[in-house]
C-alpha cells in the first residue's frame, strides 16, 4: 500500500474539500470494514426475506468457489479458455434439460433474466423485420397481464407496441384464445410465462402454441413463442416432467431462466437459449478482437464476473438431476403446507397455493388488512411484499410468500404463528 502512503503525503488540491461523500483521507481496512458493516446493520436476514425469488444461501464449498473466481472476467475467452468451455457445457446441459437438441441449441449467460428478455425480444424483432422486409412499420409483442416489467421495458426502448391481455377474476394468466386474438401480421412474438411472480402459476404454453398453430393454418400468421421461465425453468423439468412447455413444442423458439433463482446461484446470472442458430438473429452478434481473440459476443452487457457461471456448473455436478428434484420438491411441499395452514385461519383466499412455483399468494378477507399484517410480520423479522393486481383487478391486494431452498419446517411454524397472532387481534 505504498502508493496510498505516498498519496497521503501529497498536498490536497483546493477542490478536495468541495467533494461530497468521499472523505479526504482513508482509514485502515478493519476500520473501513466495521464502518460499512455498521451502515448495513439492521433489516431482516436474507433467508427471512420472503419477497425475493433470488438465492439467499449457498454451501461453504460454493462460497469458496465463488470467492476464488470472483475476479475472473467471463468475457476474456482467450485468457480463460476453460471458463468458456465450462459456460458452453452449461448451455448444453440446460438445452438438454429443456428438451432441446444439445448439439444444436445456442445460448448465452446473462446478468439475469431481464437482460435475457431484452436479448430475446431484440432477436424476435430483428427476425420479424427480416421476414416482413420493412413492409410493416409497427411491430407488437403479445403477453399476459402478469408479464415481468422487463418486457414492458423492451417494448418501450425498442419501439414495440405491448399488447397485454387483460386480467380478470379467476384469470391472471395469458391463455391460448387471448393470445391468438391479439396477434396480427405485426406480432413479433408471444411471451409465455412459466411461473408468474404475481401468483406462482404457470401459463399454459402448450395451449398457447396450439392456438397459434391454428392461427397460422387459418390466416397464415406465423407467430413464434418465447418462454420466460425466469423462475420455473429450473423447477418444471425436475418436478413436472410431463408438462409440455419447452423445446418439445416446435413453436417455442427461445427460453430464458434465472440461474440465480431456482438454479440456486447467487445474483446475478440468467440464461437465454435458442432452439438453434437459425432462431437467434445474427444481428445480435458483435465481433470483438481487442481481448486477444476474435470472438462474436451476443450479450448486452460486457465485463462481468465468471463466478456465477462457475457456481451454476458446480450445482449441476454437485446435485445432479436427483438433487435438484429433492431440493425443489421439498420447497414445493413446504409451500403447499404453508398455504393449507394460512387458508385454515379462515381469513384468506388463495391465488397461488404452491403447487407450481413454490409460492403462496393470498388475498385477505375483511377486516384483515394485508399491509398491517406485513408490518406485524416485519416486527418479527419477516419481509413479505404486498401489491395490487394488474389493471382491471387493481382493487385487489395480494401478499406473496416465496419458499426457497433455505426455508424450513420450523420457518413454516414460525411464520404461521406470527400470522395467527395478528389474526387473533382483528375482530
Protein backbone atom coordinates (compact mmCIF):
# COMPACT_ATOMS: atom_id res chain seq x y z
CA UNK A 1 0.00 0.00 0.00
CA UNK A 2 2.98 2.29 -0.59
CA UNK A 3 1.09 4.29 -3.20
CA UNK A 4 -1.59 5.04 -0.60
CA UNK A 5 1.04 6.15 1.90
CA UNK A 6 2.73 8.39 -0.67
CA UNK A 7 -0.59 9.85 -1.73
CA UNK A 8 -1.27 10.81 1.87
CA UNK A 9 1.84 12.99 1.77
CA UNK A 10 0.64 14.92 -1.30
CA UNK A 11 -0.93 18.32 -0.61
CA UNK A 12 -4.68 18.42 -1.01
CA UNK A 13 -5.88 20.28 -4.06
CA UNK A 14 -8.26 23.15 -3.50
CA UNK A 15 -11.24 21.16 -4.78
CA UNK A 16 -10.78 18.32 -2.30
CA UNK A 17 -12.82 19.94 0.42
CA UNK A 18 -15.64 20.56 -2.03
CA UNK A 19 -16.13 16.87 -2.68
CA UNK A 20 -19.24 15.38 -1.16
CA UNK A 21 -19.33 11.85 0.22
CA UNK A 22 -15.66 10.88 -0.30
CA UNK A 23 -13.51 11.61 2.80
CA UNK A 24 -10.23 13.49 2.46
CA UNK A 25 -8.26 10.56 3.84
CA UNK A 26 -8.88 6.85 4.08
CA UNK A 27 -8.70 4.50 7.06
CA UNK A 28 -7.25 1.08 7.73
CA UNK A 29 -9.06 -1.95 6.31
CA UNK A 30 -10.51 -3.16 9.63
CA UNK A 31 -11.92 0.26 10.42
CA UNK A 32 -13.40 0.53 6.92
CA UNK A 33 -14.96 -2.94 7.26
CA UNK A 34 -16.56 -2.00 10.58
CA UNK A 35 -17.80 1.31 9.20
CA UNK A 36 -19.51 -0.37 6.26
CA UNK A 37 -20.93 -3.19 8.38
CA UNK A 38 -22.33 -0.61 10.77
CA UNK A 39 -24.08 1.20 7.95
CA UNK A 40 -25.64 -2.04 6.75
CA UNK A 41 -26.74 -3.29 10.13
CA UNK A 42 -30.48 -3.82 10.54
CA UNK A 43 -33.23 -5.20 8.37
CA UNK A 44 -34.21 -8.83 8.08
CA UNK A 45 -31.79 -11.64 7.35
CA UNK A 46 -31.80 -12.69 3.68
CA UNK A 47 -33.27 -16.13 4.42
CA UNK A 48 -36.24 -14.40 6.10
CA UNK A 49 -36.81 -12.16 3.08
CA UNK A 50 -39.82 -13.90 1.58
CA UNK A 51 -40.22 -11.20 -1.07
CA UNK A 52 -37.33 -12.32 -3.23
CA UNK A 53 -37.04 -15.22 -5.64
CA UNK A 54 -33.24 -14.89 -5.57
CA UNK A 55 -30.97 -17.44 -3.94
CA UNK A 56 -30.08 -16.39 -0.39
CA UNK A 57 -27.99 -19.35 0.87
CA UNK A 58 -25.24 -21.46 -0.69
CA UNK A 59 -22.93 -24.19 0.63
CA UNK A 60 -19.50 -23.32 2.14
CA UNK A 61 -17.82 -25.12 -0.78
CA UNK A 62 -19.77 -22.97 -3.22
CA UNK A 63 -18.78 -19.86 -1.29
CA UNK A 64 -15.12 -20.81 -1.65
CA UNK A 65 -15.51 -21.32 -5.39
CA UNK A 66 -17.34 -18.02 -5.69
CA UNK A 67 -14.57 -16.11 -3.94
CA UNK A 68 -11.88 -17.89 -5.96
CA UNK A 69 -13.38 -16.91 -9.34
CA UNK A 70 -14.93 -13.57 -8.47
CA UNK A 71 -12.22 -11.58 -10.28
CA UNK A 72 -12.20 -13.72 -13.44
CA UNK A 73 -13.77 -11.86 -16.34
CA UNK A 74 -16.25 -14.10 -18.15
CA UNK A 75 -15.73 -12.38 -21.50
CA UNK A 76 -11.94 -12.95 -21.56
CA UNK A 77 -12.29 -16.13 -23.55
CA UNK A 78 -8.72 -16.13 -24.88
CA UNK A 79 -7.23 -15.81 -21.41
CA UNK A 80 -9.64 -18.25 -19.73
CA UNK A 81 -10.50 -20.90 -22.34
CA UNK A 82 -11.52 -23.46 -19.70
CA UNK A 83 -14.05 -20.97 -18.36
CA UNK A 84 -15.51 -20.52 -21.81
CA UNK A 85 -15.82 -24.28 -22.28
CA UNK A 86 -17.49 -24.57 -18.87
CA UNK A 87 -20.06 -21.98 -19.98
CA UNK A 88 -20.69 -23.89 -23.19
CA UNK A 89 -21.15 -27.09 -21.20
CA UNK A 90 -23.76 -25.33 -19.05
CA UNK A 91 -25.60 -24.31 -22.22
CA UNK A 92 -25.54 -27.91 -23.46
CA UNK A 93 -26.82 -29.21 -20.12
CA UNK A 94 -29.61 -26.65 -19.94
CA UNK A 95 -30.54 -27.28 -23.57
CA UNK A 96 -30.96 -30.97 -22.84
CA UNK A 97 -32.90 -30.17 -19.66
CA UNK A 98 -35.31 -28.10 -21.76
CA UNK A 99 -35.73 -30.97 -24.25
CA UNK A 100 -33.69 -29.35 -26.99
CA UNK A 101 -31.09 -30.96 -29.22
CA UNK A 102 -27.93 -30.28 -27.19
CA UNK A 103 -25.90 -30.36 -30.43
CA UNK A 104 -27.95 -27.54 -31.93
CA UNK A 105 -29.05 -25.25 -29.09
CA UNK A 106 -27.14 -22.00 -28.75
CA UNK A 107 -27.22 -19.62 -25.85
CA UNK A 108 -25.67 -17.08 -23.56
CA UNK A 109 -25.12 -16.44 -19.89
CA UNK A 110 -26.56 -13.05 -18.96
CA UNK A 111 -26.58 -10.90 -15.85
CA UNK A 112 -30.14 -12.03 -15.13
CA UNK A 113 -33.43 -12.78 -16.84
CA UNK A 114 -34.05 -9.10 -17.55
CA UNK A 115 -31.04 -8.94 -19.86
CA UNK A 116 -32.05 -12.29 -21.32
CA UNK A 117 -35.55 -10.97 -22.02
CA UNK A 118 -34.20 -7.87 -23.76
CA UNK A 119 -31.97 -10.03 -25.96
CA UNK A 120 -34.80 -12.43 -26.75
CA UNK A 121 -37.06 -9.51 -27.62
CA UNK A 122 -34.47 -7.99 -29.94
CA UNK A 123 -33.99 -11.33 -31.68
CA UNK A 124 -37.76 -11.65 -32.21
CA UNK A 125 -37.89 -8.08 -33.52
CA UNK A 126 -34.98 -8.46 -35.95
CA UNK A 127 -36.32 -11.77 -37.24
CA UNK A 128 -39.75 -10.19 -37.81
CA UNK A 129 -38.17 -7.25 -39.64
CA UNK A 130 -36.29 -9.64 -41.88
CA UNK A 131 -39.47 -11.64 -42.63
CA UNK A 132 -41.58 -8.58 -43.40
CA UNK A 133 -38.79 -6.75 -45.29
CA UNK A 134 -39.85 -3.47 -43.74
CA UNK A 135 -43.33 -3.58 -45.26
CA UNK A 136 -44.96 -3.25 -41.82
CA UNK A 137 -43.95 -0.32 -39.66
CA UNK A 138 -45.46 -1.01 -36.23
CA UNK A 139 -44.40 -4.26 -34.51
CA UNK A 140 -46.17 -5.58 -31.43
CA UNK A 141 -45.45 -8.13 -28.73
CA UNK A 142 -48.22 -10.14 -27.04
CA UNK A 143 -48.10 -11.03 -23.34
CA UNK A 144 -50.29 -11.59 -20.32
CA UNK A 145 -51.04 -9.15 -17.54
CA UNK A 146 -48.58 -10.93 -15.27
CA UNK A 147 -45.56 -10.48 -17.54
CA UNK A 148 -42.46 -9.11 -15.85
CA UNK A 149 -41.71 -5.39 -16.17
CA UNK A 150 -38.62 -6.17 -18.28
CA UNK A 151 -40.90 -6.97 -21.24
CA UNK A 152 -42.54 -3.58 -20.99
CA UNK A 153 -39.06 -2.04 -20.85
CA UNK A 154 -38.14 -3.86 -24.04
CA UNK A 155 -41.24 -2.60 -25.80
CA UNK A 156 -40.67 0.98 -24.68
CA UNK A 157 -36.98 1.15 -25.57
CA UNK A 158 -37.24 -0.67 -28.92
CA UNK A 159 -40.43 0.98 -30.17
CA UNK A 160 -42.64 -2.11 -29.96
CA UNK A 161 -46.32 -2.00 -29.00
CA UNK A 162 -47.00 -4.04 -25.87
CA UNK A 163 -50.28 -5.92 -26.36
CA UNK A 164 -51.32 -7.12 -22.93
CA UNK A 165 -54.22 -9.48 -22.37
CA UNK A 166 -56.49 -8.03 -19.71
CA UNK A 167 -56.62 -9.69 -16.33
CA UNK A 168 -59.96 -10.75 -14.99
CA UNK A 169 -61.22 -12.53 -11.90
CA UNK A 170 -60.01 -16.10 -11.95
CA UNK A 171 -57.58 -15.49 -14.82
CA UNK A 172 -54.35 -13.58 -14.48
CA UNK A 173 -52.50 -15.79 -16.94
CA UNK A 174 -52.41 -15.48 -20.71
CA UNK A 175 -54.34 -18.30 -22.40
CA UNK A 176 -54.38 -19.57 -25.96
CA UNK A 177 -57.52 -17.78 -27.10
CA UNK A 178 -56.46 -14.41 -25.70
CA UNK A 179 -53.01 -14.76 -27.26
CA UNK A 180 -54.32 -15.61 -30.73
CA UNK A 181 -56.93 -12.82 -30.61
CA UNK A 182 -54.21 -10.22 -30.01
CA UNK A 183 -51.93 -11.40 -32.82
CA UNK A 184 -51.75 -9.99 -36.34
CA UNK A 185 -49.15 -9.55 -39.08
CA UNK A 186 -47.25 -7.10 -36.88
CA UNK A 187 -46.79 -9.52 -33.99
CA UNK A 188 -43.12 -10.35 -33.46
CA UNK A 189 -43.87 -13.00 -30.85
CA UNK A 190 -45.90 -14.17 -27.88
CA UNK A 191 -44.39 -14.32 -24.40
CA UNK A 192 -45.49 -17.25 -22.26
CA UNK A 193 -44.64 -17.13 -18.56
CA UNK A 194 -43.58 -20.31 -16.81
CA UNK A 195 -44.15 -19.13 -13.27
CA UNK A 196 -45.75 -15.75 -12.66
CA UNK A 197 -44.28 -13.50 -9.98
CA UNK A 198 -47.86 -12.47 -9.13
CA UNK A 199 -49.27 -15.84 -8.10
CA UNK A 200 -46.66 -18.51 -8.89
CA UNK A 201 -48.74 -20.17 -11.60
CA UNK A 202 -47.60 -21.46 -14.99
CA UNK A 203 -49.19 -20.08 -18.13
CA UNK A 204 -50.44 -22.85 -20.48
CA UNK A 205 -47.60 -22.75 -23.01
CA UNK A 206 -48.77 -25.81 -24.98
CA UNK A 207 -52.31 -24.39 -25.26
CA UNK A 208 -50.96 -21.02 -26.42
CA UNK A 209 -48.79 -22.71 -29.05
CA UNK A 210 -51.71 -24.84 -30.28
CA UNK A 211 -53.90 -21.76 -30.78
CA UNK A 212 -51.07 -20.06 -32.66
CA UNK A 213 -50.77 -23.17 -34.85
CA UNK A 214 -54.46 -22.77 -35.72
CA UNK A 215 -53.94 -19.06 -36.40
CA UNK A 216 -51.16 -19.95 -38.83
CA UNK A 217 -53.31 -22.56 -40.57
CA UNK A 218 -56.37 -20.35 -40.86
CA UNK A 219 -54.87 -16.92 -41.56
CA UNK A 220 -51.23 -17.55 -42.44
CA UNK A 221 -49.96 -15.55 -39.46
CA UNK A 222 -46.90 -17.38 -38.14
CA UNK A 223 -46.01 -16.16 -34.62
CA UNK A 224 -43.13 -17.60 -32.57
CA UNK A 225 -43.25 -18.16 -28.81
CA UNK A 226 -40.62 -17.16 -26.30
CA UNK A 227 -40.95 -18.76 -22.84
CA UNK A 228 -39.98 -16.56 -19.92
CA UNK A 229 -39.10 -19.31 -17.45
CA UNK A 230 -37.19 -16.99 -15.13
CA UNK A 231 -38.50 -18.77 -12.05
CA UNK A 232 -39.80 -22.07 -13.42
CA UNK A 233 -37.05 -23.06 -15.85
CA UNK A 234 -35.11 -24.91 -13.17
CA UNK A 235 -38.21 -26.25 -11.39
CA UNK A 236 -40.59 -27.67 -14.01
CA UNK A 237 -38.04 -30.04 -15.62
CA UNK A 238 -37.41 -31.68 -12.25
CA UNK A 239 -40.94 -31.74 -10.82
CA UNK A 240 -43.31 -31.60 -13.83
CA UNK A 241 -41.68 -33.89 -16.37
CA UNK A 242 -44.89 -34.46 -18.35
CA UNK A 243 -45.66 -30.76 -18.71
CA UNK A 244 -45.09 -29.60 -22.30
CA UNK A 245 -43.71 -26.07 -22.23
CA UNK A 246 -40.19 -26.30 -23.66
CA UNK A 247 -38.41 -27.11 -26.94
CA UNK A 248 -40.66 -30.15 -27.41
CA UNK A 249 -43.11 -27.57 -28.76
CA UNK A 250 -41.91 -26.59 -32.26
CA UNK A 251 -43.32 -23.07 -31.97
CA UNK A 252 -41.10 -22.33 -28.93
CA UNK A 253 -38.01 -20.67 -30.39
CA UNK A 254 -36.26 -19.44 -27.24
CA UNK A 255 -36.35 -19.77 -23.45
CA UNK A 256 -34.81 -17.80 -20.62
CA UNK A 257 -34.35 -18.68 -16.94
CA UNK A 258 -32.61 -17.22 -13.91
CA UNK A 259 -29.72 -19.22 -12.57
CA UNK A 260 -29.84 -17.00 -9.51
CA UNK A 261 -33.37 -18.12 -8.70
CA UNK A 262 -34.24 -21.82 -8.83
CA UNK A 263 -30.82 -22.53 -10.36
CA UNK A 264 -29.54 -21.86 -6.81
CA UNK A 265 -26.75 -19.45 -7.78
CA UNK A 266 -26.15 -16.07 -6.07
CA UNK A 267 -27.07 -12.95 -8.09
CA UNK A 268 -26.67 -12.27 -10.91
CA UNK A 269 -26.98 -14.95 -13.55
CA UNK A 270 -29.51 -15.57 -16.27
CA UNK A 271 -29.58 -17.98 -19.21
CA UNK A 272 -31.01 -17.48 -22.69
CA UNK A 273 -31.18 -20.38 -25.13
CA UNK A 274 -32.44 -20.60 -28.70
CA UNK A 275 -33.62 -23.79 -30.36
CA UNK A 276 -30.85 -23.48 -32.96
CA UNK A 277 -28.68 -20.87 -34.66
CA UNK A 278 -31.38 -20.13 -37.19
CA UNK A 279 -33.64 -18.80 -34.43
CA UNK A 280 -31.03 -16.43 -32.99
CA UNK A 281 -30.88 -13.29 -35.09
CA UNK A 282 -27.30 -12.89 -36.40
CA UNK A 283 -27.67 -9.14 -35.85
CA UNK A 284 -27.31 -9.75 -32.12
CA UNK A 285 -23.66 -10.68 -32.59
CA UNK A 286 -20.84 -8.14 -32.30
CA UNK A 287 -17.32 -9.23 -33.25
CA UNK A 288 -14.60 -8.18 -30.82
CA UNK A 289 -10.86 -8.81 -31.11
CA UNK A 290 -9.26 -6.46 -28.59
CA UNK A 291 -9.28 -9.02 -25.79
CA UNK A 292 -6.79 -11.16 -27.68
CA UNK A 293 -9.19 -13.40 -29.59
CA UNK A 294 -11.60 -12.78 -32.43
CA UNK A 295 -14.97 -13.62 -30.94
CA UNK A 296 -18.62 -12.82 -31.52
CA UNK A 297 -20.49 -11.67 -28.41
CA UNK A 298 -24.27 -11.93 -28.15
CA UNK A 299 -24.90 -10.27 -24.78
CA UNK A 300 -25.97 -6.71 -23.98
CA UNK A 301 -23.55 -6.37 -21.07
CA UNK A 302 -19.82 -6.97 -21.32
CA UNK A 303 -17.32 -7.43 -18.48
CA UNK A 304 -18.70 -9.40 -15.55
CA UNK A 305 -17.55 -11.95 -13.04
CA UNK A 306 -17.33 -15.58 -14.09
CA UNK A 307 -18.15 -16.72 -10.53
CA UNK A 308 -21.92 -17.17 -11.08
CA UNK A 309 -21.34 -19.41 -14.12
CA UNK A 310 -18.77 -21.43 -12.14
CA UNK A 311 -21.37 -21.96 -9.41
CA UNK A 312 -24.05 -22.96 -11.92
CA UNK A 313 -21.80 -25.71 -13.20
CA UNK A 314 -20.92 -26.64 -9.62
CA UNK A 315 -24.63 -27.02 -8.79
CA UNK A 316 -25.23 -29.23 -11.82
CA UNK A 317 -22.44 -31.65 -10.88
CA UNK A 318 -22.98 -31.32 -7.12
CA UNK A 319 -26.73 -32.02 -7.05
CA UNK A 320 -27.42 -33.77 -10.33
CA UNK A 321 -30.98 -34.32 -11.52
CA UNK A 322 -31.98 -36.19 -8.37
CA UNK A 323 -30.59 -33.48 -6.11
CA UNK A 324 -32.40 -30.66 -7.91
CA UNK A 325 -35.58 -32.73 -7.74
CA UNK A 326 -35.19 -33.25 -4.00
CA UNK A 327 -34.49 -29.58 -3.25
CA UNK A 328 -37.41 -28.25 -5.26
CA UNK A 329 -39.83 -30.99 -4.20
CA UNK A 330 -39.10 -30.08 -0.59
CA UNK A 331 -39.73 -26.37 -1.30
CA UNK A 332 -43.00 -27.14 -3.06
CA UNK A 333 -44.12 -29.38 -0.22
CA UNK A 334 -43.39 -26.68 2.36
CA UNK A 335 -45.19 -24.06 0.24
CA UNK A 336 -48.30 -26.23 -0.01
CA UNK A 337 -48.20 -26.92 3.72
CA UNK A 338 -47.93 -23.20 4.42
CA UNK A 339 -50.86 -22.49 2.06
CA UNK A 340 -53.04 -25.02 3.89
CA UNK A 341 -52.10 -23.55 7.26
CA UNK A 342 -52.89 -19.99 6.20
CA UNK A 343 -56.13 -20.99 4.50
CA UNK A 344 -57.10 -22.74 7.71
CA UNK A 345 -57.26 -19.43 9.57
CA UNK A 346 -60.42 -18.64 7.61
CA UNK A 347 -59.18 -15.12 6.88
CA UNK A 348 -57.57 -15.57 3.46
CA UNK A 349 -58.29 -16.85 -0.03
CA UNK A 350 -55.51 -18.33 -2.13
CA UNK A 351 -54.47 -17.10 -5.56
CA UNK A 352 -51.44 -19.39 -5.61
CA UNK A 353 -51.12 -22.49 -3.44
CA UNK A 354 -47.51 -23.52 -4.14
CA UNK A 355 -48.44 -26.38 -6.45
CA UNK A 356 -46.47 -24.95 -9.39
CA UNK A 357 -43.83 -22.46 -8.29
CA UNK A 358 -43.28 -22.86 -4.52
CA UNK A 359 -45.10 -19.59 -3.96
CA UNK A 360 -48.09 -18.81 -1.77
CA UNK A 361 -50.14 -15.80 -2.91
CA UNK A 362 -53.18 -14.77 -0.91
CA UNK A 363 -55.80 -12.07 -0.60
CA UNK A 364 -57.41 -11.18 2.71
CA UNK A 365 -61.00 -11.45 3.79
CA UNK A 366 -62.34 -8.34 5.60
CA UNK A 367 -61.50 -6.96 8.06
CA UNK A 368 -57.89 -8.19 7.60
CA UNK A 369 -55.59 -5.55 6.10
CA UNK A 370 -52.58 -7.09 4.38
CA UNK A 371 -50.35 -4.04 4.76
CA UNK A 372 -50.90 -4.08 8.51
CA UNK A 373 -50.17 -7.80 8.53
CA UNK A 374 -46.93 -7.13 6.62
CA UNK A 375 -45.90 -4.57 9.26
CA UNK A 376 -46.67 -7.09 12.00
CA UNK A 377 -44.54 -9.71 10.24
CA UNK A 378 -41.71 -7.20 9.74
CA UNK A 379 -41.65 -6.62 13.50
CA UNK A 380 -40.98 -10.35 13.83
CA UNK A 381 -38.20 -10.36 11.25
CA UNK A 382 -40.10 -11.41 8.11
CA UNK A 383 -40.09 -9.36 4.90
CA UNK A 384 -43.23 -10.07 2.85
CA UNK A 385 -44.44 -7.97 -0.11
CA UNK A 386 -47.96 -6.63 -0.56
CA UNK A 387 -49.00 -5.42 -4.01
CA UNK A 388 -52.05 -4.86 -6.17
CA UNK A 389 -53.02 -6.97 -9.16
CA UNK A 390 -52.80 -5.60 -12.73
CA UNK A 391 -55.36 -3.15 -14.18
CA UNK A 392 -58.94 -4.40 -14.17
CA UNK A 393 -58.18 -6.13 -10.86
CA UNK A 394 -56.07 -3.45 -9.20
CA UNK A 395 -58.51 -3.10 -6.32
CA UNK A 396 -57.27 -6.49 -5.06
CA UNK A 397 -54.26 -6.53 -2.72
CA UNK A 398 -52.09 -9.63 -2.56
CA UNK A 399 -49.43 -10.90 -0.20
CA UNK A 400 -46.84 -13.30 -1.61
CA UNK A 401 -44.54 -15.73 0.18
CA UNK A 402 -41.66 -17.24 -1.83
CA UNK A 403 -40.46 -20.55 -0.42
CA UNK A 404 -36.81 -21.10 -1.32
CA UNK A 405 -34.34 -23.88 -0.60
CA UNK A 406 -33.34 -22.41 2.78
CA UNK A 407 -36.93 -22.30 4.07
CA UNK A 408 -37.51 -24.93 6.78
CA UNK A 409 -40.41 -26.70 8.51
CA UNK A 410 -39.57 -24.60 11.57
CA UNK A 411 -39.98 -21.49 9.44
CA UNK A 412 -43.46 -22.66 8.42
CA UNK A 413 -44.36 -22.93 12.09
CA UNK A 414 -42.80 -19.59 12.97
CA UNK A 415 -44.39 -17.72 10.08
CA UNK A 416 -47.80 -19.28 10.58
CA UNK A 417 -47.71 -18.48 14.31
CA UNK A 418 -46.92 -14.84 13.52
CA UNK A 419 -49.87 -14.65 11.11
CA UNK A 420 -52.20 -16.33 13.58
CA UNK A 421 -51.07 -13.92 16.28
CA UNK A 422 -52.09 -10.99 14.08
CA UNK A 423 -55.38 -12.59 13.02
CA UNK A 424 -56.34 -13.14 16.66
CA UNK A 425 -56.17 -9.39 17.31
CA UNK A 426 -58.56 -8.49 14.46
CA UNK A 427 -62.27 -8.55 15.20
